[in-house]
Amino acid sequence: MSFYLIVGIAALGGLLFGYDTGVISGALLFIRTDFALSAGMQGLVAGIALAGAAVGAAFAGGLSDRFGRRWVIFFTGLIFIAGSLVAALAPEVMTLLAGRLLVGVGIGVASMLTPLYLAETAPARSRGALVSLNQLAITVGILVSYLIGYLFARHGEWRWMLALGAVPGVILSAGMLTLPETPRWLAGHGRMEEAGGVLRRLRGLGDIEAELSELRTDLLREGSLPSWRELLSPNVRLPLIIGVGLAIFQQITGINTVIYFAPTIFQAAGLSSASAAILATAGVGVVNVVMTLVSIRLIDSVGRRTLLLIGLLGMAACLLLLGLGFAIGGASGALGWITALSLAAYVGFFAIGLGPVFWLLISEIFPLYVRGRAMGIATIANWGFNLIVTVTFLELINIFGRPGTFLIYAILTVAAFIFTRALVPETKGRSLEQIEADLHARG
């Protein structure tokens, strides 16, 4: 099997993540009418998937460390199928919530394990681009969800919007049955001969002895599966600070206010039609995909840290411009254009930096023996703060207005820049074992 086919199947987890994250923004416009939802219940329908994602992330690391990355991803595909169909067929709101909760669990597991699987199977020289294909799949999933929302918006067919999430779930589960376990997981469980066989399958005619030697050295140093308390050990502390810090900053800089509320933002800027607002949001989704492709092209040459710093500076500038646009909008006719351009540019800078680089870095920086569990902690933080940003966005607008709210996000983005400059290492072109040794020395 081609290595790129392996990557393509595994990255379907990212596509499901993106689709089921984005689809609710269009579907909710019609769900609220069919089920006569209050504002609070609308928030619950949108937010319960985020709660499910935190739960999924909480268990994914430990389960993947014990049972393997491959099998946990396989069952995640089944969860996506079940959740999508339950939500689509829901006769009343409680069943809908149950389906969305299941989908959220799948999102949480996929958001952690897809980049981990890709990182542990990719060669060091191209790991950045290959793992970032997961982020590309997420952006494609979000864009597809917007387009599907627009397609079915004419007749309010929200059930089809939700049901179509089952299709890539079927492909993911079927595909994972044909894929190998990661060499690093096999080696960590004493199955070195199998690890060598998988490496030969992945690398083709390439020499795998150096990679196997690094794995053996790593295992001798680290031993068997850890207890949870080992996440607090000195050699894990700095990677955990970096991983959790980036997880939080990826959310509190405001990206999911665009993913979940872009139609609302565009309506506030003058696009009164729901279909027009969804279509404008799809345009932002196109920018997200295109700039993610640019990031993939650059991430193994320019480097992770450099792209992260450039992206954060651009995001801060765009958030300031967006706030300015809302501040002057009442006095001029420029608000719609300023909003559209600054939102698109903001998403573009996120897509070239903080979007893909966060998921890549947390798959690279943790020691092998705690990698699954440590990534789980970072992913829980990511989804927890996603939920916080989602439920506070409209309240912040009520308290501070749109200009003040986007100024807050701009200030937090500057804080993310300072954090990155101080702590985040450059990892391009280095093996996972070399990255671990460097962070251990710094810690």
Protein backbone atom coordinates (compact mmCIF):
# COMPACT_ATOMS: atom_id res chain seq x y z
CA MET A 1 0.00 0.00 0.00
CA SER A 2 1.31 3.49 -0.89
CA PHE A 3 2.38 5.58 2.10
CA TYR A 4 0.37 8.49 0.72
CA LEU A 5 -2.74 6.31 0.60
CA ILE A 6 -2.14 5.49 4.26
CA VAL A 7 -1.89 9.21 5.00
CA GLY A 8 -5.04 9.93 2.99
CA ILE A 9 -7.13 7.37 4.85
CA ALA A 10 -5.84 8.44 8.26
CA ALA A 11 -6.48 12.12 7.48
CA LEU A 12 -10.19 11.37 7.03
CA GLY A 13 -10.33 11.75 10.80
CA GLY A 14 -9.46 15.41 10.25
CA LEU A 15 -12.14 15.78 7.57
CA LEU A 16 -14.76 14.38 9.96
CA PHE A 17 -13.48 16.73 12.66
CA GLY A 18 -13.93 19.71 10.31
CA TYR A 19 -17.26 18.67 8.83
CA ASP A 20 -19.01 17.95 12.12
CA THR A 21 -17.55 21.10 13.68
CA GLY A 22 -18.75 23.37 10.88
CA VAL A 23 -22.05 21.79 9.83
CA ILE A 24 -23.98 22.92 12.90
CA SER A 25 -23.62 26.62 11.95
CA GLY A 26 -25.93 26.15 8.94
CA ALA A 27 -28.14 23.41 10.37
CA LEU A 28 -28.94 25.37 13.51
CA LEU A 29 -30.74 28.06 11.48
CA PHE A 30 -33.43 25.45 10.74
CA ILE A 31 -33.21 23.21 13.81
CA ARG A 32 -34.18 26.12 16.04
CA THR A 33 -37.41 26.56 14.06
CA ASP A 34 -38.35 22.87 13.80
CA PHE A 35 -37.84 22.23 17.51
CA ALA A 36 -38.83 25.75 18.68
CA LEU A 37 -35.56 26.16 20.55
CA SER A 38 -34.90 28.97 22.98
CA ALA A 39 -31.62 30.87 22.75
CA GLY A 40 -30.25 28.77 25.60
CA MET A 41 -31.17 25.51 23.89
CA GLN A 42 -29.61 26.71 20.64
CA GLY A 43 -26.39 27.27 22.54
CA LEU A 44 -26.66 23.78 24.03
CA VAL A 45 -27.17 22.16 20.61
CA ALA A 46 -24.09 23.99 19.30
CA GLY A 47 -21.98 23.46 22.41
CA ILE A 48 -22.73 19.89 23.42
CA ALA A 49 -20.43 18.54 20.70
CA LEU A 50 -17.59 20.53 22.30
CA ALA A 51 -18.32 18.93 25.66
CA GLY A 52 -18.29 15.55 23.93
CA ALA A 53 -14.97 16.43 22.30
CA ALA A 54 -13.42 17.14 25.68
CA VAL A 55 -14.65 13.75 26.92
CA GLY A 56 -13.31 11.99 23.82
CA ALA A 57 -9.92 13.67 24.17
CA ALA A 58 -9.79 12.74 27.87
CA PHE A 59 -9.98 9.02 27.10
CA ALA A 60 -8.27 8.89 23.69
CA GLY A 61 -4.71 9.20 24.95
CA GLY A 62 -4.88 6.43 27.51
CA LEU A 63 -6.82 4.12 25.22
CA SER A 64 -4.42 4.68 22.32
CA ASP A 65 -1.39 4.07 24.57
CA ARG A 66 -2.88 0.76 25.71
CA PHE A 67 -4.71 -0.59 22.64
CA GLY A 68 -2.94 1.16 19.77
CA ARG A 69 -3.57 4.21 17.59
CA ARG A 70 -5.05 2.16 14.73
CA TRP A 71 -7.86 0.42 16.59
CA VAL A 72 -8.96 3.49 18.50
CA ILE A 73 -9.21 5.46 15.23
CA PHE A 74 -11.20 2.57 13.72
CA PHE A 75 -13.78 2.73 16.51
CA THR A 76 -13.83 6.53 16.24
CA GLY A 77 -15.12 6.16 12.68
CA LEU A 78 -17.97 4.01 14.04
CA ILE A 79 -18.76 6.69 16.62
CA PHE A 80 -19.00 9.32 13.86
CA ILE A 81 -21.38 7.08 11.89
CA ALA A 82 -23.62 6.44 14.90
CA GLY A 83 -23.66 10.05 16.07
CA SER A 84 -24.42 11.46 12.61
CA LEU A 85 -27.33 9.10 12.02
CA VAL A 86 -28.80 9.51 15.51
CA ALA A 87 -28.74 13.32 15.18
CA ALA A 88 -30.13 13.26 11.62
CA LEU A 89 -33.04 10.98 12.55
CA ALA A 90 -33.84 12.67 15.88
CA PRO A 91 -37.60 13.02 16.46
CA GLU A 92 -37.08 15.46 19.33
CA VAL A 93 -34.35 17.61 20.83
CA MET A 94 -33.02 15.16 23.45
CA THR A 95 -32.20 12.58 20.78
CA LEU A 96 -30.57 15.32 18.72
CA LEU A 97 -28.42 16.25 21.72
CA ALA A 98 -27.43 12.61 22.22
CA GLY A 99 -26.35 12.34 18.59
CA ARG A 100 -24.35 15.56 18.72
CA LEU A 101 -22.71 14.41 21.97
CA LEU A 102 -21.61 11.19 20.25
CA VAL A 103 -20.27 13.17 17.29
CA GLY A 104 -18.39 15.38 19.74
CA VAL A 105 -16.72 12.37 21.33
CA GLY A 106 -15.56 11.34 17.85
CA ILE A 107 -14.27 14.85 17.16
CA GLY A 108 -12.25 14.85 20.38
CA VAL A 109 -10.63 11.48 19.66
CA ALA A 110 -9.93 12.31 15.99
CA SER A 111 -8.46 15.73 16.83
CA MET A 112 -5.81 14.02 18.96
CA LEU A 113 -5.14 10.68 17.32
CA THR A 114 -5.08 11.62 13.64
CA PRO A 115 -2.01 13.89 13.94
CA LEU A 116 -0.42 11.41 16.36
CA TYR A 117 -0.85 8.51 13.92
CA LEU A 118 0.56 10.59 11.07
CA ALA A 119 3.52 11.82 13.14
CA GLU A 120 4.45 8.31 14.22
CA THR A 121 4.38 6.93 10.67
CA ALA A 122 5.94 9.84 8.74
CA PRO A 123 9.70 10.21 8.03
CA ALA A 124 11.33 13.15 9.81
CA ARG A 125 12.18 15.06 6.60
CA SER A 126 8.53 15.34 5.55
CA ARG A 127 6.68 14.89 8.83
CA GLY A 128 5.57 18.52 9.01
CA ALA A 129 3.83 18.48 5.63
CA LEU A 130 2.29 15.05 6.12
CA VAL A 131 0.94 15.73 9.61
CA SER A 132 -0.35 19.09 8.39
CA LEU A 133 -2.48 17.22 5.86
CA ASN A 134 -4.68 16.58 8.89
CA GLN A 135 -5.22 20.33 9.25
CA LEU A 136 -5.89 20.57 5.51
CA ALA A 137 -8.49 17.82 5.90
CA ILE A 138 -10.07 19.77 8.78
CA THR A 139 -10.33 22.92 6.64
CA VAL A 140 -11.72 20.93 3.71
CA GLY A 141 -14.28 19.37 6.06
CA ILE A 142 -15.34 22.80 7.31
CA LEU A 143 -15.63 24.13 3.75
CA VAL A 144 -17.63 21.09 2.65
CA SER A 145 -19.97 21.56 5.62
CA TYR A 146 -20.60 25.18 4.57
CA LEU A 147 -21.27 24.17 0.97
CA ILE A 148 -23.56 21.33 2.04
CA GLY A 149 -25.34 23.80 4.33
CA TYR A 150 -25.86 26.18 1.42
CA LEU A 151 -27.01 23.36 -0.85
CA PHE A 152 -29.70 22.16 1.55
CA ALA A 153 -30.59 25.58 2.98
CA ARG A 154 -33.19 26.26 0.27
CA HIS A 155 -35.60 23.69 1.71
CA GLY A 156 -34.27 23.68 5.26
CA GLU A 157 -33.09 20.06 5.03
CA TRP A 158 -30.89 20.07 8.10
CA ARG A 159 -31.24 16.31 8.58
CA TRP A 160 -29.32 15.67 5.35
CA MET A 161 -26.64 18.12 6.49
CA LEU A 162 -26.05 16.04 9.62
CA ALA A 163 -26.51 12.60 8.02
CA LEU A 164 -23.81 13.10 5.38
CA GLY A 165 -21.20 13.10 8.15
CA ALA A 166 -21.63 9.32 8.29
CA VAL A 167 -20.12 8.84 4.80
CA PRO A 168 -16.47 9.64 5.58
CA GLY A 169 -16.93 7.76 8.87
CA VAL A 170 -17.63 4.59 6.90
CA ILE A 171 -14.55 5.15 4.72
CA LEU A 172 -12.35 5.89 7.76
CA SER A 173 -13.33 2.72 9.64
CA ALA A 174 -13.07 0.52 6.56
CA GLY A 175 -9.73 2.07 5.64
CA MET A 176 -8.21 1.64 9.10
CA LEU A 177 -8.77 -2.10 8.83
CA THR A 178 -6.15 -2.11 6.06
CA LEU A 179 -3.61 0.21 7.72
CA PRO A 180 -0.72 -0.81 10.00
CA GLU A 181 -0.20 0.13 13.63
CA THR A 182 2.46 2.82 14.13
CA PRO A 183 6.06 1.58 14.50
CA ARG A 184 6.60 3.64 17.64
CA TRP A 185 3.57 2.15 19.40
CA LEU A 186 4.64 -1.38 18.44
CA ALA A 187 8.19 -0.75 19.65
CA GLY A 188 6.87 0.71 22.90
CA HIS A 189 4.99 -2.54 23.54
CA GLY A 190 7.97 -4.80 22.95
CA ARG A 191 7.02 -5.74 19.39
CA MET A 192 10.23 -4.57 17.75
CA GLU A 193 10.16 -7.12 14.94
CA GLU A 194 6.67 -5.96 13.93
CA ALA A 195 7.83 -2.34 14.18
CA GLY A 196 10.65 -3.10 11.76
CA GLY A 197 8.21 -4.75 9.36
CA VAL A 198 5.91 -1.72 9.40
CA LEU A 199 8.85 0.63 8.83
CA ARG A 200 9.91 -1.41 5.80
CA ARG A 201 6.36 -1.23 4.49
CA LEU A 202 6.26 2.53 5.03
CA ARG A 203 9.74 3.43 3.79
CA GLY A 204 9.94 1.04 0.84
CA LEU A 205 13.57 0.65 -0.24
CA GLY A 206 14.86 3.21 2.26
CA ASP A 207 17.27 2.29 5.08
CA ILE A 208 15.39 1.84 8.35
CA GLU A 209 18.24 0.75 10.63
CA ALA A 210 18.97 4.25 11.95
CA GLU A 211 15.29 4.79 12.76
CA LEU A 212 15.06 1.41 14.51
CA SER A 213 18.22 2.21 16.49
CA GLU A 214 16.71 5.50 17.70
CA LEU A 215 13.56 3.65 18.78
CA ARG A 216 15.58 1.10 20.75
CA THR A 217 17.57 3.83 22.49
CA ASP A 218 14.39 5.71 23.32
CA LEU A 219 12.76 2.60 24.78
CA LEU A 220 15.78 1.73 26.93
CA ARG A 221 15.69 5.21 28.41
CA GLU A 222 11.96 5.39 29.02
CA GLY A 223 10.72 1.92 29.93
CA SER A 224 7.07 0.79 29.88
CA LEU A 225 3.68 2.51 30.02
CA PRO A 226 3.68 5.35 32.55
CA SER A 227 1.39 6.26 35.37
CA TRP A 228 -0.51 9.53 35.10
CA ARG A 229 1.76 11.11 37.73
CA GLU A 230 4.69 10.84 35.33
CA LEU A 231 3.10 13.66 33.33
CA LEU A 232 4.44 15.90 36.11
CA SER A 233 8.03 14.64 35.81
CA PRO A 234 10.72 17.24 34.94
CA ASN A 235 11.35 15.98 31.40
CA VAL A 236 7.63 16.23 30.56
CA ARG A 237 6.97 19.55 32.26
CA LEU A 238 8.24 21.94 29.56
CA PRO A 239 6.63 20.06 26.63
CA LEU A 240 3.37 20.00 28.59
CA ILE A 241 3.52 23.76 29.24
CA ILE A 242 4.15 24.36 25.53
CA GLY A 243 1.44 21.96 24.38
CA VAL A 244 -1.26 23.14 26.78
CA GLY A 245 -0.30 26.77 26.25
CA LEU A 246 -0.64 26.52 22.47
CA ALA A 247 -3.90 24.58 22.91
CA ILE A 248 -5.36 27.43 24.94
CA PHE A 249 -4.05 30.17 22.68
CA GLN A 250 -5.40 28.45 19.56
CA GLN A 251 -8.89 28.96 21.01
CA ILE A 252 -8.76 32.22 22.99
CA THR A 253 -7.42 34.09 19.95
CA GLY A 254 -10.95 33.70 18.58
CA ILE A 255 -10.82 31.34 15.60
CA ASN A 256 -13.99 29.45 16.44
CA THR A 257 -16.00 32.64 16.73
CA VAL A 258 -15.52 32.67 12.94
CA ILE A 259 -16.20 28.93 12.46
CA TYR A 260 -19.40 28.93 14.56
CA PHE A 261 -20.65 32.51 14.21
CA ALA A 262 -19.42 33.76 10.82
CA PRO A 263 -22.99 33.90 9.40
CA THR A 264 -24.02 35.94 12.46
CA ILE A 265 -21.02 38.26 12.02
CA PHE A 266 -21.77 38.75 8.32
CA GLN A 267 -25.44 39.44 9.06
CA ALA A 268 -24.35 42.10 11.57
CA ALA A 269 -22.22 43.61 8.79
CA GLY A 270 -25.20 43.94 6.45
CA LEU A 271 -25.86 40.53 4.84
CA SER A 272 -29.41 39.99 6.03
CA SER A 273 -30.15 36.82 4.01
CA ALA A 274 -29.22 33.52 5.72
CA SER A 275 -28.19 31.98 2.40
CA ALA A 276 -25.99 34.97 1.53
CA ALA A 277 -24.34 34.86 4.97
CA ILE A 278 -23.65 31.12 4.62
CA LEU A 279 -22.24 31.64 1.12
CA ALA A 280 -19.97 34.45 2.38
CA THR A 281 -18.83 32.11 5.14
CA ALA A 282 -18.00 29.49 2.49
CA GLY A 283 -15.73 32.08 0.87
CA VAL A 284 -13.83 32.36 4.14
CA GLY A 285 -13.67 28.55 4.13
CA VAL A 286 -11.98 28.64 0.71
CA VAL A 287 -9.31 30.98 2.09
CA ASN A 288 -8.82 28.56 4.99
CA VAL A 289 -8.15 25.66 2.59
CA VAL A 290 -5.86 27.62 0.26
CA MET A 291 -3.69 29.03 3.04
CA THR A 292 -3.44 25.62 4.70
CA LEU A 293 -2.01 24.35 1.40
CA VAL A 294 0.52 27.20 1.53
CA SER A 295 1.44 26.20 5.08
CA ILE A 296 1.96 22.57 4.04
CA ARG A 297 4.27 23.77 1.28
CA LEU A 298 6.37 25.86 3.70
CA ILE A 299 6.26 24.04 7.04
CA ASP A 300 9.24 21.74 6.42
CA SER A 301 11.37 24.46 4.81
CA VAL A 302 10.50 27.72 6.60
CA GLY A 303 9.83 25.90 9.87
CA ARG A 304 7.07 25.54 12.44
CA ARG A 305 8.14 28.32 14.81
CA THR A 306 8.61 30.92 12.06
CA LEU A 307 5.19 30.26 10.53
CA LEU A 308 3.63 30.37 13.97
CA LEU A 309 5.13 33.80 14.74
CA ILE A 310 4.19 35.24 11.32
CA GLY A 311 0.65 33.89 11.60
CA LEU A 312 0.12 35.30 15.08
CA LEU A 313 1.27 38.78 14.06
CA GLY A 314 -1.07 38.72 11.06
CA MET A 315 -3.98 37.50 13.18
CA ALA A 316 -3.48 40.31 15.69
CA ALA A 317 -3.44 42.94 12.93
CA CYS A 318 -6.60 41.54 11.33
CA LEU A 319 -8.46 41.44 14.64
CA LEU A 320 -7.60 45.10 15.21
CA LEU A 321 -8.84 45.91 11.70
CA LEU A 322 -12.04 43.95 12.28
CA GLY A 323 -12.70 45.84 15.51
CA LEU A 324 -12.01 49.12 13.72
CA GLY A 325 -14.43 48.15 10.95
CA PHE A 326 -17.25 47.65 13.43
CA ALA A 327 -16.30 50.87 15.24
CA ILE A 328 -16.65 52.99 12.09
CA GLY A 329 -19.32 50.92 10.38
CA GLY A 330 -22.24 52.98 11.55
CA ALA A 331 -20.77 56.10 10.02
CA SER A 332 -19.71 54.67 6.68
CA GLY A 333 -20.71 52.07 4.12
CA ALA A 334 -17.37 50.27 4.37
CA LEU A 335 -18.30 47.84 7.15
CA GLY A 336 -19.24 44.93 4.89
CA TRP A 337 -16.01 45.08 2.91
CA ILE A 338 -13.80 45.60 5.98
CA THR A 339 -15.50 42.71 7.75
CA ALA A 340 -15.19 40.31 4.82
CA LEU A 341 -11.56 41.15 4.03
CA SER A 342 -10.33 41.21 7.63
CA LEU A 343 -12.14 37.97 8.49
CA ALA A 344 -10.70 36.26 5.40
CA ALA A 345 -7.18 37.54 6.14
CA TYR A 346 -7.48 36.55 9.81
CA VAL A 347 -8.47 33.00 8.84
CA GLY A 348 -5.64 32.93 6.29
CA PHE A 349 -3.02 33.84 8.90
CA PHE A 350 -4.49 31.27 11.29
CA ALA A 351 -4.35 28.63 8.55
CA ILE A 352 -0.69 29.30 7.81
CA GLY A 353 0.39 29.25 11.46
CA LEU A 354 -1.53 28.45 14.62
CA GLY A 355 -4.03 26.15 12.87
CA PRO A 356 -1.71 23.42 11.53
CA VAL A 357 1.37 24.12 13.68
CA PHE A 358 -0.38 23.48 17.01
CA TRP A 359 -1.55 20.00 16.02
CA LEU A 360 1.83 19.19 14.49
CA LEU A 361 3.84 20.36 17.50
CA ILE A 362 1.84 18.41 20.07
CA SER A 363 2.47 15.27 18.00
CA GLU A 364 6.23 16.00 18.07
CA ILE A 365 7.27 17.43 21.44
CA PHE A 366 6.16 14.81 23.99
CA PRO A 367 8.32 11.84 25.03
CA LEU A 368 7.22 8.56 23.47
CA TYR A 369 6.23 6.92 26.74
CA VAL A 370 3.65 9.63 27.58
CA ARG A 371 2.87 10.88 24.08
CA GLY A 372 -0.71 9.64 23.90
CA ARG A 373 -1.67 10.82 27.38
CA ALA A 374 0.14 14.15 27.12
CA MET A 375 -1.52 14.88 23.77
CA GLY A 376 -4.79 14.00 25.45
CA ILE A 377 -4.20 16.67 28.11
CA ALA A 378 -3.40 19.29 25.47
CA THR A 379 -6.44 18.30 23.41
CA ILE A 380 -8.74 18.45 26.46
CA ALA A 381 -7.46 21.98 27.12
CA ASN A 382 -8.07 22.86 23.48
CA TRP A 383 -11.68 21.67 23.51
CA GLY A 384 -12.38 23.05 26.96
CA PHE A 385 -11.33 26.55 25.92
CA ASN A 386 -13.15 26.10 22.61
CA LEU A 387 -16.31 25.63 24.66
CA ILE A 388 -15.52 28.66 26.82
CA VAL A 389 -14.94 30.90 23.78
CA THR A 390 -18.11 29.61 22.11
CA VAL A 391 -20.42 30.25 25.07
CA THR A 392 -18.88 33.65 25.94
CA PHE A 393 -18.62 35.22 22.47
CA LEU A 394 -22.13 36.63 22.25
CA GLU A 395 -22.01 37.69 25.89
CA LEU A 396 -18.76 39.55 25.30
CA ILE A 397 -20.40 41.37 22.40
CA ASN A 398 -23.30 42.35 24.69
CA ILE A 399 -20.89 43.67 27.32
CA PHE A 400 -18.05 45.21 25.28
CA GLY A 401 -19.61 45.56 21.82
CA ARG A 402 -18.07 44.09 18.68
CA PRO A 403 -15.09 46.49 18.56
CA GLY A 404 -14.18 45.77 22.20
CA THR A 405 -14.60 42.02 21.80
CA PHE A 406 -12.26 41.78 18.81
CA LEU A 407 -9.77 44.04 20.63
CA ILE A 408 -9.71 41.50 23.49
CA TYR A 409 -8.94 38.72 21.02
CA ALA A 410 -6.19 40.88 19.47
CA ILE A 411 -4.54 41.40 22.88
CA LEU A 412 -4.67 37.65 23.57
CA THR A 413 -3.07 37.01 20.18
CA VAL A 414 -0.17 39.30 21.11
CA ALA A 415 0.20 37.28 24.33
CA ALA A 416 0.34 34.11 22.20
CA PHE A 417 3.15 35.67 20.13
CA ILE A 418 5.17 36.43 23.29
CA PHE A 419 4.61 32.89 24.61
CA THR A 420 5.70 31.34 21.31
CA ARG A 421 8.82 33.49 21.02
CA ALA A 422 9.86 32.58 24.56
CA LEU A 423 9.16 28.85 24.73
CA VAL A 424 8.30 27.11 21.45
CA PRO A 425 11.23 25.28 19.80
CA GLU A 426 11.90 24.75 16.11
CA THR A 427 11.37 21.07 15.24
CA LYS A 428 11.67 20.94 11.44
CA GLY A 429 13.84 18.18 10.01
CA ARG A 430 14.51 16.57 13.41
CA SER A 431 13.51 13.10 14.55
CA LEU A 432 11.03 12.78 17.40
CA GLU A 433 13.84 11.39 19.55
CA GLN A 434 16.10 14.40 18.84
CA ILE A 435 13.27 16.80 19.71
CA GLU A 436 12.71 14.95 22.97
CA ALA A 437 16.39 15.08 23.92
CA ASP A 438 16.57 18.83 23.25
CA LEU A 439 13.48 19.62 25.34
CA HIS A 440 14.75 17.36 28.13
CA ALA A 441 18.02 19.37 28.18
CA ARG A 442 16.10 22.67 28.31
CA GLY A 443 13.74 21.43 31.03
